[in-house]
Amino acid sequence: MLERERLIEIAVAVTSVLLMLGTMIVIGSEYRTADGTLSPEGGEMLVGVIIGFIFLLTAVGIGLAYLLNDPEDGLEGEDEMETKNAA
């Protein structure tokens, strides 16, 4: 069985990817031209979605790093560890 933290990471990643794919599908269907290609406005929207996806995953990664980091794991900074060891 997977750890709780790993399940949370998987669920968040899958949800983010499905959100991006859904948005791309909607843009593709809304901005399609008569000959089946994507209009220039649709292309700009897709670039915006990709950039937004990069920022979303960056924020999610930082958020998960802070939420799932337990002090007992020993993942504290080296400065904090040296201060504790010196005391």
C-alpha atoms as a PDB file:
ATOM      1  CA  MET A   1       0.000   0.000   0.000  1.00  0.00           C
ATOM      2  CA  LEU A   2       1.216   3.477  -0.786  1.00  0.00           C
ATOM      3  CA  GLU A   3       1.875   6.050   1.900  1.00  0.00           C
ATOM      4  CA  ARG A   4      -0.688   8.755   2.548  1.00  0.00           C
ATOM      5  CA  GLU A   5       1.621  11.497   1.258  1.00  0.00           C
ATOM      6  CA  ARG A   6       2.254   9.632  -1.997  1.00  0.00           C
ATOM      7  CA  LEU A   7      -1.501   9.165  -2.557  1.00  0.00           C
ATOM      8  CA  ILE A   8      -2.057  12.895  -2.036  1.00  0.00           C
ATOM      9  CA  GLU A   9       0.697  13.736  -4.530  1.00  0.00           C
ATOM     10  CA  ILE A  10      -0.747  11.348  -7.127  1.00  0.00           C
ATOM     11  CA  ALA A  11      -4.281  12.683  -6.691  1.00  0.00           C
ATOM     12  CA  VAL A  12      -3.161  16.307  -7.031  1.00  0.00           C
ATOM     13  CA  ALA A  13      -1.018  15.561 -10.090  1.00  0.00           C
ATOM     14  CA  VAL A  14      -3.764  13.596 -11.862  1.00  0.00           C
ATOM     15  CA  THR A  15      -6.329  16.295 -11.078  1.00  0.00           C
ATOM     16  CA  SER A  16      -4.033  19.009 -12.437  1.00  0.00           C
ATOM     17  CA  VAL A  17      -3.370  17.107 -15.657  1.00  0.00           C
ATOM     18  CA  LEU A  18      -7.067  16.360 -16.176  1.00  0.00           C
ATOM     19  CA  LEU A  19      -7.876  20.027 -15.619  1.00  0.00           C
ATOM     20  CA  MET A  20      -5.327  21.046 -18.250  1.00  0.00           C
ATOM     21  CA  LEU A  21      -6.506  18.444 -20.750  1.00  0.00           C
ATOM     22  CA  GLY A  22     -10.130  19.437 -20.240  1.00  0.00           C
ATOM     23  CA  THR A  23      -9.286  23.085 -20.783  1.00  0.00           C
ATOM     24  CA  MET A  24      -7.340  22.247 -23.943  1.00  0.00           C
ATOM     25  CA  ILE A  25     -10.250  20.195 -25.295  1.00  0.00           C
ATOM     26  CA  VAL A  26     -12.701  23.024 -24.648  1.00  0.00           C
ATOM     27  CA  ILE A  27     -10.415  25.548 -26.355  1.00  0.00           C
ATOM     28  CA  GLY A  28      -9.908  23.203 -29.292  1.00  0.00           C
ATOM     29  CA  SER A  29     -13.639  22.757 -29.792  1.00  0.00           C
ATOM     30  CA  GLU A  30     -14.528  26.425 -29.294  1.00  0.00           C
ATOM     31  CA  TYR A  31     -11.811  27.950 -31.478  1.00  0.00           C
ATOM     32  CA  ARG A  32     -11.938  25.468 -34.358  1.00  0.00           C
ATOM     33  CA  THR A  33     -12.269  26.939 -37.846  1.00  0.00           C
ATOM     34  CA  ALA A  34     -14.447  25.603 -40.677  1.00  0.00           C
ATOM     35  CA  ASP A  35     -11.626  23.495 -42.127  1.00  0.00           C
ATOM     36  CA  GLY A  36     -10.907  21.869 -38.739  1.00  0.00           C
ATOM     37  CA  THR A  37      -7.771  23.807 -37.792  1.00  0.00           C
ATOM     38  CA  LEU A  38      -7.280  25.968 -34.759  1.00  0.00           C
ATOM     39  CA  SER A  39      -7.794  29.707 -35.099  1.00  0.00           C
ATOM     40  CA  PRO A  40      -5.005  32.141 -34.095  1.00  0.00           C
ATOM     41  CA  GLU A  41      -6.971  33.165 -31.008  1.00  0.00           C
ATOM     42  CA  GLY A  42      -7.257  29.513 -30.023  1.00  0.00           C
ATOM     43  CA  GLY A  43      -3.512  29.081 -30.422  1.00  0.00           C
ATOM     44  CA  GLU A  44      -2.920  32.023 -28.104  1.00  0.00           C
ATOM     45  CA  MET A  45      -5.338  30.524 -25.623  1.00  0.00           C
ATOM     46  CA  LEU A  46      -3.500  27.178 -25.723  1.00  0.00           C
ATOM     47  CA  VAL A  47      -0.181  28.904 -25.062  1.00  0.00           C
ATOM     48  CA  GLY A  48      -1.814  30.641 -22.100  1.00  0.00           C
ATOM     49  CA  VAL A  49      -3.120  27.312 -20.796  1.00  0.00           C
ATOM     50  CA  ILE A  50       0.337  25.742 -21.036  1.00  0.00           C
ATOM     51  CA  ILE A  51       1.926  28.678 -19.203  1.00  0.00           C
ATOM     52  CA  GLY A  52      -0.837  28.565 -16.594  1.00  0.00           C
ATOM     53  CA  PHE A  53      -0.276  24.833 -16.177  1.00  0.00           C
ATOM     54  CA  ILE A  54       3.418  25.412 -15.497  1.00  0.00           C
ATOM     55  CA  PHE A  55       2.607  28.023 -12.842  1.00  0.00           C
ATOM     56  CA  LEU A  56      -0.110  25.776 -11.379  1.00  0.00           C
ATOM     57  CA  LEU A  57       2.239  22.830 -10.987  1.00  0.00           C
ATOM     58  CA  THR A  58       4.926  25.067  -9.508  1.00  0.00           C
ATOM     59  CA  ALA A  59       2.482  26.364  -6.905  1.00  0.00           C
ATOM     60  CA  VAL A  60       1.155  22.872  -6.211  1.00  0.00           C
ATOM     61  CA  GLY A  61       4.679  21.516  -5.779  1.00  0.00           C
ATOM     62  CA  ILE A  62       5.657  24.260  -3.366  1.00  0.00           C
ATOM     63  CA  GLY A  63       2.381  23.877  -1.470  1.00  0.00           C
ATOM     64  CA  LEU A  64       2.779  20.116  -1.154  1.00  0.00           C
ATOM     65  CA  ALA A  65       6.386  20.502  -0.053  1.00  0.00           C
ATOM     66  CA  TYR A  66       5.317  22.728   2.837  1.00  0.00           C
ATOM     67  CA  LEU A  67       2.195  20.767   3.747  1.00  0.00           C
ATOM     68  CA  LEU A  68       3.694  17.289   3.623  1.00  0.00           C
ATOM     69  CA  ASN A  69       7.078  18.077   5.221  1.00  0.00           C
ATOM     70  CA  ASP A  70       7.183  16.760   8.773  1.00  0.00           C
ATOM     71  CA  PRO A  71       9.905  18.093  11.087  1.00  0.00           C
ATOM     72  CA  GLU A  72      10.541  14.511  12.263  1.00  0.00           C
ATOM     73  CA  ASP A  73      11.619  13.481   8.740  1.00  0.00           C
ATOM     74  CA  GLY A  74      14.973  15.219   9.122  1.00  0.00           C
ATOM     75  CA  LEU A  75      14.396  17.393   6.050  1.00  0.00           C
ATOM     76  CA  GLU A  76      15.205  20.618   7.848  1.00  0.00           C
ATOM     77  CA  GLY A  77      17.856  22.973   6.552  1.00  0.00           C
ATOM     78  CA  GLU A  78      21.498  22.322   7.370  1.00  0.00           C
ATOM     79  CA  ASP A  79      21.730  25.562   9.357  1.00  0.00           C
ATOM     80  CA  GLU A  80      18.897  24.464  11.624  1.00  0.00           C
ATOM     81  CA  MET A  81      20.490  21.064  12.131  1.00  0.00           C
ATOM     82  CA  GLU A  82      23.871  22.605  13.026  1.00  0.00           C
ATOM     83  CA  THR A  83      22.191  24.924  15.527  1.00  0.00           C
ATOM     84  CA  LYS A  84      20.399  22.003  17.181  1.00  0.00           C
ATOM     85  CA  ASN A  85      23.557  19.876  17.277  1.00  0.00           C
ATOM     86  CA  ALA A  86      25.617  22.713  18.787  1.00  0.00           C
ATOM     87  CA  ALA A  87      23.124  23.235  21.615  1.00  0.00           C
END
